[in-house]
C-alpha atoms as a PDB file:
ATOM      1  CA  TYR A   1     -13.001  84.878 -29.655  1.00  0.00           C
ATOM      2  CA  GLN A   2      -8.742  86.217 -30.054  1.00  0.00           C
ATOM      3  CA  TYR A   3      -7.351  87.214 -26.869  1.00  0.00           C
ATOM      4  CA  HIS A   4      -4.278  89.441 -25.812  1.00  0.00           C
ATOM      5  CA  LEU A   5      -4.145  89.328 -22.266  1.00  0.00           C
ATOM      6  CA  LYS A   6      -0.816  89.968 -20.309  1.00  0.00           C
ATOM      7  CA  GLY A   7      -0.105  90.623 -16.792  1.00  0.00           C
ATOM      8  CA  LYS A   8       3.252  92.574 -15.323  1.00  0.00           C
ATOM      9  CA  SER A   9       4.775  88.980 -14.205  1.00  0.00           C
ATOM     10  CA  GLY A  10       4.412  87.234 -17.193  1.00  0.00           C
ATOM     11  CA  THR A  11       1.620  85.638 -17.107  1.00  0.00           C
ATOM     12  CA  VAL A  12      -0.031  85.222 -20.096  1.00  0.00           C
ATOM     13  CA  PHE A  13      -3.916  84.759 -21.503  1.00  0.00           C
ATOM     14  CA  SER A  14      -3.642  85.049 -25.815  1.00  0.00           C
ATOM     15  CA  GLY A  15      -4.713  82.344 -28.066  1.00  0.00           C
ATOM     16  CA  GLN A  16      -7.843  81.296 -30.182  1.00  0.00           C
ATOM     17  CA  SER A  17     -11.080  80.661 -28.441  1.00  0.00           C
ATOM     18  CA  ASN A  18     -14.893  79.666 -29.358  1.00  0.00           C
ATOM     19  CA  GLY A  19     -18.157  80.306 -27.807  1.00  0.00           C
ATOM     20  CA  ILE A  20     -21.510  79.724 -27.899  1.00  0.00           C
ATOM     21  CA  GLU A  21     -24.088  82.652 -27.241  1.00  0.00           C
ATOM     22  CA  ILE A  22     -27.902  82.550 -25.950  1.00  0.00           C
ATOM     23  CA  TYR A  23     -29.616  85.504 -26.140  1.00  0.00           C
ATOM     24  CA  ARG A  24     -33.142  87.334 -25.100  1.00  0.00           C
ATOM     25  CA  GLY A  25     -32.917  90.077 -27.863  1.00  0.00           C
ATOM     26  CA  TYR A  26     -35.390  92.807 -28.708  1.00  0.00           C
ATOM     27  CA  ILE A  27     -36.171  94.539 -32.320  1.00  0.00           C
ATOM     28  CA  SER A  28     -37.408  98.329 -32.437  1.00  0.00           C
ATOM     29  CA  GLY A  29     -36.907  99.961 -35.728  1.00  0.00           C
ATOM     30  CA  LYS A  30     -33.075 101.287 -36.033  1.00  0.00           C
ATOM     31  CA  ILE A  31     -32.194  99.578 -32.827  1.00  0.00           C
ATOM     32  CA  TRP A  32     -31.290  95.927 -31.454  1.00  0.00           C
ATOM     33  CA  GLY A  33     -30.679  94.743 -28.199  1.00  0.00           C
ATOM     34  CA  THR A  34     -29.546  91.398 -26.260  1.00  0.00           C
ATOM     35  CA  ILE A  35     -28.809  90.284 -23.162  1.00  0.00           C
ATOM     36  CA  GLY A  36     -27.790  86.685 -22.289  1.00  0.00           C
ATOM     37  CA  LEU A  37     -24.727  83.877 -21.456  1.00  0.00           C
ATOM     38  CA  LYS A  38     -21.789  82.928 -23.307  1.00  0.00           C
ATOM     39  CA  PHE A  39     -20.245  79.364 -22.757  1.00  0.00           C
ATOM     40  CA  LEU A  40     -16.465  79.567 -23.921  1.00  0.00           C
ATOM     41  CA  SER A  41     -14.088  77.383 -24.610  1.00  0.00           C
ATOM     42  CA  GLY A  42     -10.536  77.929 -24.562  1.00  0.00           C
ATOM     43  CA  PRO A  43      -7.881  79.844 -25.723  1.00  0.00           C
ATOM     44  CA  TYR A  44      -6.555  76.273 -27.203  1.00  0.00           C
ATOM     45  CA  GLY A  45      -2.790  76.046 -26.878  1.00  0.00           C
ATOM     46  CA  GLN A  46      -2.704  78.387 -24.107  1.00  0.00           C
ATOM     47  CA  ARG A  47       0.601  77.804 -22.113  1.00  0.00           C
ATOM     48  CA  GLN A  48       1.816  78.603 -18.309  1.00  0.00           C
ATOM     49  CA  LYS A  49       4.690  77.481 -17.256  1.00  0.00           C
ATOM     50  CA  GLU A  50       5.630  75.505 -20.400  1.00  0.00           C
ATOM     51  CA  LEU A  51       2.056  73.011 -19.811  1.00  0.00           C
ATOM     52  CA  PRO A  52      -0.665  73.756 -21.899  1.00  0.00           C
ATOM     53  CA  LEU A  53      -4.079  74.536 -19.896  1.00  0.00           C
ATOM     54  CA  ASP A  54      -7.439  73.186 -20.555  1.00  0.00           C
ATOM     55  CA  TYR A  55      -9.903  76.610 -20.393  1.00  0.00           C
ATOM     56  CA  SER A  56     -13.373  76.369 -19.983  1.00  0.00           C
ATOM     57  CA  GLY A  57     -16.002  79.457 -18.328  1.00  0.00           C
ATOM     58  CA  THR A  58     -18.778  81.423 -18.495  1.00  0.00           C
ATOM     59  CA  ALA A  59     -19.840  85.055 -19.014  1.00  0.00           C
ATOM     60  CA  PHE A  60     -22.950  87.646 -18.647  1.00  0.00           C
ATOM     61  CA  ALA A  61     -22.981  89.695 -21.628  1.00  0.00           C
ATOM     62  CA  GLY A  62     -25.246  92.758 -22.858  1.00  0.00           C
ATOM     63  CA  GLN A  63     -24.780  94.890 -26.563  1.00  0.00           C
ATOM     64  CA  LEU A  64     -27.053  97.596 -27.935  1.00  0.00           C
ATOM     65  CA  GLY A  65     -26.679  98.335 -31.484  1.00  0.00           C
ATOM     66  CA  TYR A  66     -28.155 100.969 -34.098  1.00  0.00           C
ATOM     67  CA  SER A  67     -28.054 101.250 -37.617  1.00  0.00           C
ATOM     68  CA  VAL A  68     -26.541 104.205 -39.196  1.00  0.00           C
ATOM     69  CA  GLN A  69     -28.834 103.577 -42.465  1.00  0.00           C
ATOM     70  CA  SER A  70     -32.196 104.809 -43.212  1.00  0.00           C
ATOM     71  CA  GLY A  71     -35.042 102.379 -42.527  1.00  0.00           C
ATOM     72  CA  PRO A  72     -36.099 100.014 -39.573  1.00  0.00           C
ATOM     73  CA  LEU A  73     -33.556  97.270 -39.146  1.00  0.00           C
ATOM     74  CA  ARG A  74     -36.874  95.074 -40.147  1.00  0.00           C
ATOM     75  CA  SER A  75     -36.865  94.972 -43.752  1.00  0.00           C
ATOM     76  CA  LYS A  76     -36.079  93.493 -47.352  1.00  0.00           C
ATOM     77  CA  SER A  77     -32.437  95.596 -47.481  1.00  0.00           C
ATOM     78  CA  SER A  78     -29.529  94.456 -45.232  1.00  0.00           C
ATOM     79  CA  LYS A  79     -28.043  96.829 -42.627  1.00  0.00           C
ATOM     80  CA  PHE A  80     -24.684  98.292 -41.150  1.00  0.00           C
ATOM     81  CA  GLY A  81     -24.616  99.958 -37.823  1.00  0.00           C
ATOM     82  CA  ILE A  82     -22.582 100.393 -34.389  1.00  0.00           C
ATOM     83  CA  PHE A  83     -22.834  98.289 -31.129  1.00  0.00           C
ATOM     84  CA  LEU A  84     -21.768  98.305 -28.055  1.00  0.00           C
ATOM     85  CA  GLY A  85     -21.398  95.597 -25.621  1.00  0.00           C
ATOM     86  CA  LEU A  86     -20.529  94.845 -21.927  1.00  0.00           C
ATOM     87  CA  GLU A  87     -19.369  91.674 -19.967  1.00  0.00           C
ATOM     88  CA  TYR A  88     -18.345  90.026 -17.507  1.00  0.00           C
ATOM     89  CA  MET A  89     -16.043  86.679 -17.731  1.00  0.00           C
ATOM     90  CA  ASP A  90     -14.964  83.977 -15.283  1.00  0.00           C
ATOM     91  CA  ILE A  91     -13.064  81.394 -16.965  1.00  0.00           C
ATOM     92  CA  ILE A  92     -10.565  79.156 -15.501  1.00  0.00           C
ATOM     93  CA  GLY A  93      -7.920  76.774 -17.081  1.00  0.00           C
ATOM     94  CA  ARG A  94      -5.958  73.557 -15.396  1.00  0.00           C
ATOM     95  CA  ALA A  95      -3.342  70.937 -16.403  1.00  0.00           C
ATOM     96  CA  VAL A  96      -3.388  68.380 -14.145  1.00  0.00           C
ATOM     97  CA  GLY A  97       0.418  66.274 -13.881  1.00  0.00           C
ATOM     98  CA  ARG A  98       3.685  66.401 -16.507  1.00  0.00           C
ATOM     99  CA  ASN A  99       1.650  67.598 -19.564  1.00  0.00           C
ATOM    100  CA  ASN A 100       3.942  67.701 -21.529  1.00  0.00           C
ATOM    101  CA  GLU A 101       7.563  65.921 -20.482  1.00  0.00           C
ATOM    102  CA  SER A 102       9.328  66.978 -23.675  1.00  0.00           C
ATOM    103  CA  SER A 103       9.855  70.224 -21.726  1.00  0.00           C
ATOM    104  CA  ASN A 104      11.376  68.672 -18.628  1.00  0.00           C
ATOM    105  CA  SER A 105       9.628  71.427 -17.109  1.00  0.00           C
ATOM    106  CA  PRO A 106       9.770  70.722 -13.129  1.00  0.00           C
ATOM    107  CA  ILE A 107       5.858  72.207 -13.003  1.00  0.00           C
ATOM    108  CA  GLU A 108       3.089  69.357 -12.376  1.00  0.00           C
ATOM    109  CA  ASN A 109      -0.098  71.261 -11.793  1.00  0.00           C
ATOM    110  CA  ILE A 110      -1.696  74.362 -12.539  1.00  0.00           C
ATOM    111  CA  GLU A 111      -4.717  76.923 -12.644  1.00  0.00           C
ATOM    112  CA  LEU A 112      -5.114  80.386 -13.572  1.00  0.00           C
ATOM    113  CA  LYS A 113      -8.509  81.698 -12.736  1.00  0.00           C
ATOM    114  CA  LEU A 114      -9.486  84.943 -14.744  1.00  0.00           C
ATOM    115  CA  ASN A 115     -12.357  87.406 -14.230  1.00  0.00           C
ATOM    116  CA  ALA A 116     -12.497  90.259 -16.539  1.00  0.00           C
ATOM    117  CA  PHE A 117     -15.088  92.797 -17.179  1.00  0.00           C
ATOM    118  CA  THR A 118     -14.752  94.729 -20.856  1.00  0.00           C
ATOM    119  CA  ILE A 119     -16.729  97.002 -22.584  1.00  0.00           C
ATOM    120  CA  MET A 120     -16.742  95.859 -26.271  1.00  0.00           C
ATOM    121  CA  PRO A 121     -17.457  98.922 -29.182  1.00  0.00           C
ATOM    122  CA  GLY A 122     -17.891  97.801 -32.934  1.00  0.00           C
ATOM    123  CA  LEU A 123     -19.379  97.478 -36.141  1.00  0.00           C
ATOM    124  CA  PHE A 124     -22.600  95.104 -37.215  1.00  0.00           C
ATOM    125  CA  TYR A 125     -24.430  94.015 -40.867  1.00  0.00           C
ATOM    126  CA  SER A 126     -27.759  92.072 -40.184  1.00  0.00           C
ATOM    127  CA  TRP A 127     -30.535  90.551 -42.524  1.00  0.00           C
ATOM    128  CA  ILE A 128     -33.548  90.894 -40.606  1.00  0.00           C
ATOM    129  CA  ASN A 129     -37.025  89.492 -42.409  1.00  0.00           C
ATOM    130  CA  GLU A 130     -39.927  91.624 -41.997  1.00  0.00           C
ATOM    131  CA  PRO A 131     -42.702  91.902 -39.266  1.00  0.00           C
ATOM    132  CA  ARG A 132     -44.974  89.059 -39.697  1.00  0.00           C
ATOM    133  CA  PRO A 133     -49.086  89.767 -40.458  1.00  0.00           C
ATOM    134  CA  ILE A 134     -50.599  90.185 -37.247  1.00  0.00           C
ATOM    135  CA  GLY A 135     -52.819  86.694 -36.715  1.00  0.00           C
ATOM    136  CA  ASN A 136     -53.081  83.397 -34.710  1.00  0.00           C
ATOM    137  CA  SER A 137     -52.559  81.185 -37.461  1.00  0.00           C
ATOM    138  CA  PRO A 138     -50.075  78.152 -36.876  1.00  0.00           C
ATOM    139  CA  LYS A 139     -48.134  79.248 -39.776  1.00  0.00           C
ATOM    140  CA  LEU A 140     -47.555  82.870 -37.675  1.00  0.00           C
ATOM    141  CA  LEU A 141     -46.931  81.322 -34.880  1.00  0.00           C
ATOM    142  CA  MET A 142     -44.420  79.276 -35.476  1.00  0.00           C
ATOM    143  CA  THR A 143     -40.413  79.715 -34.474  1.00  0.00           C
ATOM    144  CA  ARG A 144     -38.654  81.047 -37.862  1.00  0.00           C
ATOM    145  CA  LEU A 145     -35.383  82.176 -38.225  1.00  0.00           C
ATOM    146  CA  GLU A 146     -36.010  86.120 -38.406  1.00  0.00           C
ATOM    147  CA  GLY A 147     -32.485  87.138 -39.493  1.00  0.00           C
ATOM    148  CA  LEU A 148     -28.942  87.262 -38.706  1.00  0.00           C
ATOM    149  CA  ILE A 149     -26.574  89.942 -37.517  1.00  0.00           C
ATOM    150  CA  ILE A 150     -22.689  89.434 -37.951  1.00  0.00           C
ATOM    151  CA  ARG A 151     -20.671  91.185 -35.206  1.00  0.00           C
ATOM    152  CA  ILE A 152     -16.903  92.609 -35.633  1.00  0.00           C
ATOM    153  CA  GLY A 153     -15.575  94.124 -32.587  1.00  0.00           C
ATOM    154  CA  ILE A 154     -12.645  94.605 -29.790  1.00  0.00           C
ATOM    155  CA  GLU A 155     -12.931  93.823 -26.082  1.00  0.00           C
ATOM    156  CA  ILE A 156     -11.093  96.152 -23.915  1.00  0.00           C
ATOM    157  CA  PRO A 157     -10.883  95.524 -20.491  1.00  0.00           C
ATOM    158  CA  LEU A 158     -12.098  98.053 -17.969  1.00  0.00           C
ATOM    159  CA  LYS A 159     -11.197  95.576 -14.776  1.00  0.00           C
ATOM    160  CA  THR A 160      -9.420  91.942 -14.445  1.00  0.00           C
ATOM    161  CA  LYS A 161      -8.227  89.970 -11.930  1.00  0.00           C
ATOM    162  CA  PHE A 162      -6.100  86.495 -12.151  1.00  0.00           C
ATOM    163  CA  ARG A 163      -4.888  84.557  -9.731  1.00  0.00           C
ATOM    164  CA  LEU A 164      -2.329  81.372 -10.833  1.00  0.00           C
ATOM    165  CA  ASN A 165      -1.912  78.619  -8.590  1.00  0.00           C
ATOM    166  CA  TYR A 166       0.830  75.867  -9.378  1.00  0.00           C
ATOM    167  CA  GLN A 167       2.843  72.950  -8.121  1.00  0.00           C
ATOM    168  CA  GLU A 168       7.119  72.353  -8.469  1.00  0.00           C
ATOM    169  CA  LYS A 169       8.825  69.985  -7.773  1.00  0.00           C
ATOM    170  CA  GLN A 170      12.414  70.523  -6.052  1.00  0.00           C
ATOM    171  CA  ASP A 171      14.502  67.105  -4.926  1.00  0.00           C
ATOM    172  CA  ASN A 172      11.496  65.042  -5.167  1.00  0.00           C
ATOM    173  CA  GLU A 173       9.108  67.263  -3.214  1.00  0.00           C
ATOM    174  CA  LEU A 174       6.155  69.615  -4.589  1.00  0.00           C
ATOM    175  CA  SER A 175       6.253  72.979  -3.326  1.00  0.00           C
ATOM    176  CA  SER A 176       2.856  74.982  -3.816  1.00  0.00           C
ATOM    177  CA  TYR A 177       3.310  78.755  -5.280  1.00  0.00           C
ATOM    178  CA  SER A 178       0.735  81.536  -6.496  1.00  0.00           C
ATOM    179  CA  ASP A 179       0.722  84.467  -8.389  1.00  0.00           C
ATOM    180  CA  ASN A 180      -2.208  87.589  -8.955  1.00  0.00           C
ATOM    181  CA  GLY A 181      -2.753  90.237 -10.273  1.00  0.00           C
ATOM    182  CA  GLU A 182      -4.221  92.652 -13.108  1.00  0.00           C
ATOM    183  CA  LEU A 183      -3.804  91.709 -17.041  1.00  0.00           C
ATOM    184  CA  THR A 184      -3.926  94.478 -19.820  1.00  0.00           C
ATOM    185  CA  GLY A 185      -4.397  94.324 -23.462  1.00  0.00           C
ATOM    186  CA  GLN A 186      -7.284  93.805 -25.753  1.00  0.00           C
ATOM    187  CA  ASN A 187      -9.443  90.723 -27.301  1.00  0.00           C
ATOM    188  CA  TYR A 188     -10.302  90.438 -30.871  1.00  0.00           C
ATOM    189  CA  VAL A 189     -14.273  88.982 -31.290  1.00  0.00           C
ATOM    190  CA  ILE A 190     -15.957  88.202 -34.403  1.00  0.00           C
ATOM    191  CA  SER A 191     -19.540  86.350 -34.153  1.00  0.00           C
ATOM    192  CA  CYS A 192     -22.840  85.413 -36.059  1.00  0.00           C
ATOM    193  CA  LEU A 193     -26.274  85.983 -33.941  1.00  0.00           C
ATOM    194  CA  ALA A 194     -28.859  84.091 -35.433  1.00  0.00           C
ATOM    195  CA  LEU A 195     -32.555  85.217 -34.253  1.00  0.00           C
ATOM    196  CA  LEU A 196     -35.057  83.250 -33.274  1.00  0.00           C
ATOM    197  CA  GLY A 197     -38.553  83.989 -33.482  1.00  0.00           C
ATOM    198  CA  SER A 198     -42.167  82.887 -32.395  1.00  0.00           C
END
């Protein structure tokens, strides 16, 4: 993931991030769909008030894809198509203490929480095995790698909400401050789905 979100007050949410996705999937003819959870880490190197934050979060997501080529997805040839995804993300970043002494920043503790509902149009390329023969032998019932789907998309926020809380040292005393609002921009996503079947 590559995030590029910014608020009117100067709050930013940008940088590279990684995630693990666990989905329940369905394939029929030219159509595939998934629904499940994402476990997010990052963006890495993200800074607020000159302090680096450590981020983690989860997202509930679903996608629906359609092959624009002839024939079903489950065939000997690879397939190219389009997909559309929806996602609700809840992510939080924290920096505790003076994490960046070289900046001489008076900021000590900071926390940024972001909720976002996004839509993601994109393209996919897939390699999916042909259906298994009907039967109940151990070989036919064992779990196997059914195929791969490579996705490239742009995440567009439909609704975002952030809240920034931090403490600033003034005259050896800590004062608490907060900011909230919406972030705008877009995110870029490249991912690989490994399809397991049994």
